[in-house]
Amino acid sequence: GVYFTRTWCGDLSYASITNIGLNPTFADRTSVQIETHLLDFASSIYDQSIQVQFFDRWRSEMRFPNKEALILQIGRDVESARSYW
């Protein structure tokens, strides 16, 4: 599902949105994927440790008919996260 989260990178925290699931739009996976998007963040933090705190579940995981429909929903999810914070 999709969750409203807050992510810490060192001493700084950022509003974020996190998806936990199988990414059914792109493949029939059997392993769970976790993806966190930090709002208004433009740095590279690959290979760095972060902490993610979960606040509320926004919606269940969904399968979309195509990539474009998924991108539209992600935009709506991000706007909802902005309203949440």
Protein backbone atom coordinates (compact mmCIF):
# COMPACT_ATOMS: atom_id res chain seq x y z
CA GLY A 1 0.00 0.00 0.00
CA VAL A 2 0.86 3.69 0.00
CA TYR A 3 1.73 5.47 3.24
CA PHE A 4 2.36 9.03 4.40
CA THR A 5 5.84 8.98 5.90
CA ARG A 6 8.61 11.22 7.15
CA THR A 7 12.19 10.43 6.14
CA TRP A 8 15.35 11.38 8.00
CA CYS A 9 18.64 11.87 6.17
CA GLY A 10 21.16 12.63 8.86
CA ASP A 11 19.78 15.47 10.99
CA LEU A 12 17.25 16.65 8.39
CA SER A 13 13.75 15.27 7.87
CA TYR A 14 11.50 15.46 4.83
CA ALA A 15 7.84 14.80 4.17
CA SER A 16 7.61 11.66 2.08
CA ILE A 17 5.32 9.03 0.64
CA THR A 18 6.19 5.33 0.67
CA ASN A 19 4.90 2.40 -1.35
CA ILE A 20 5.24 -1.16 -0.09
CA GLY A 21 4.13 -3.91 -2.40
CA LEU A 22 4.71 -6.10 -5.41
CA ASN A 23 4.51 -3.37 -8.11
CA PRO A 24 1.78 -5.30 -9.97
CA THR A 25 1.53 -2.82 -12.87
CA PHE A 26 4.95 -3.81 -14.20
CA ALA A 27 5.44 -7.45 -13.24
CA ASP A 28 4.07 -10.34 -11.29
CA ARG A 29 6.68 -10.26 -8.57
CA THR A 30 6.85 -12.45 -5.53
CA SER A 31 9.19 -10.20 -3.52
CA VAL A 32 8.02 -7.04 -1.80
CA GLN A 33 9.48 -3.73 -2.97
CA ILE A 34 9.76 -0.60 -0.79
CA GLU A 35 10.02 2.80 -2.48
CA THR A 36 10.08 6.17 -0.71
CA HIS A 37 9.67 9.49 -2.49
CA LEU A 38 10.87 12.57 -0.56
CA LEU A 39 8.81 15.66 -1.35
CA ASP A 40 10.75 18.72 -2.52
CA PHE A 41 14.08 16.90 -2.40
CA ALA A 42 16.60 16.99 -5.23
CA SER A 43 19.83 15.48 -3.86
CA SER A 44 21.27 12.03 -4.41
CA ILE A 45 21.28 9.89 -1.28
CA TYR A 46 21.98 6.48 -2.82
CA ASP A 47 24.28 4.38 -0.61
CA GLN A 48 23.32 6.44 2.46
CA SER A 49 21.33 5.26 5.45
CA ILE A 50 17.92 6.81 6.01
CA GLN A 51 15.14 6.33 8.54
CA VAL A 52 11.50 6.26 7.47
CA GLN A 53 8.70 6.82 9.98
CA PHE A 54 5.20 5.72 8.97
CA PHE A 55 2.22 7.89 9.95
CA ASP A 56 -0.89 6.90 8.00
CA ARG A 57 -1.91 4.44 5.32
CA TRP A 58 -3.25 6.32 2.31
CA ARG A 59 -4.46 3.52 0.03
CA SER A 60 -4.06 -0.12 -0.92
CA GLU A 61 -1.78 -1.29 -3.69
CA MET A 62 -3.41 -1.18 -7.13
CA ARG A 63 -2.74 -2.58 -10.59
CA PHE A 64 -3.01 0.07 -13.31
CA PRO A 65 -3.75 -0.59 -16.99
CA ASN A 66 -0.58 1.18 -18.10
CA LYS A 67 2.39 3.28 -17.00
CA GLU A 68 0.60 6.56 -17.75
CA ALA A 69 -2.30 5.73 -15.42
CA LEU A 70 0.18 4.85 -12.67
CA ILE A 71 2.03 8.15 -13.16
CA LEU A 72 -1.26 10.07 -12.83
CA GLN A 73 -2.10 8.24 -9.59
CA ILE A 74 1.37 8.88 -8.17
CA GLY A 75 0.81 12.59 -8.84
CA ARG A 76 -2.48 12.44 -6.93
CA ASP A 77 -0.80 10.54 -4.09
CA VAL A 78 1.97 13.16 -3.85
CA GLU A 79 -0.60 15.99 -3.75
CA SER A 80 -2.44 14.15 -0.97
CA ALA A 81 0.81 13.80 0.94
CA ARG A 82 1.46 17.53 0.56
CA SER A 83 -2.01 18.22 2.01
CA TYR A 84 -1.33 15.81 4.85
CA TRP A 85 1.78 17.69 5.91
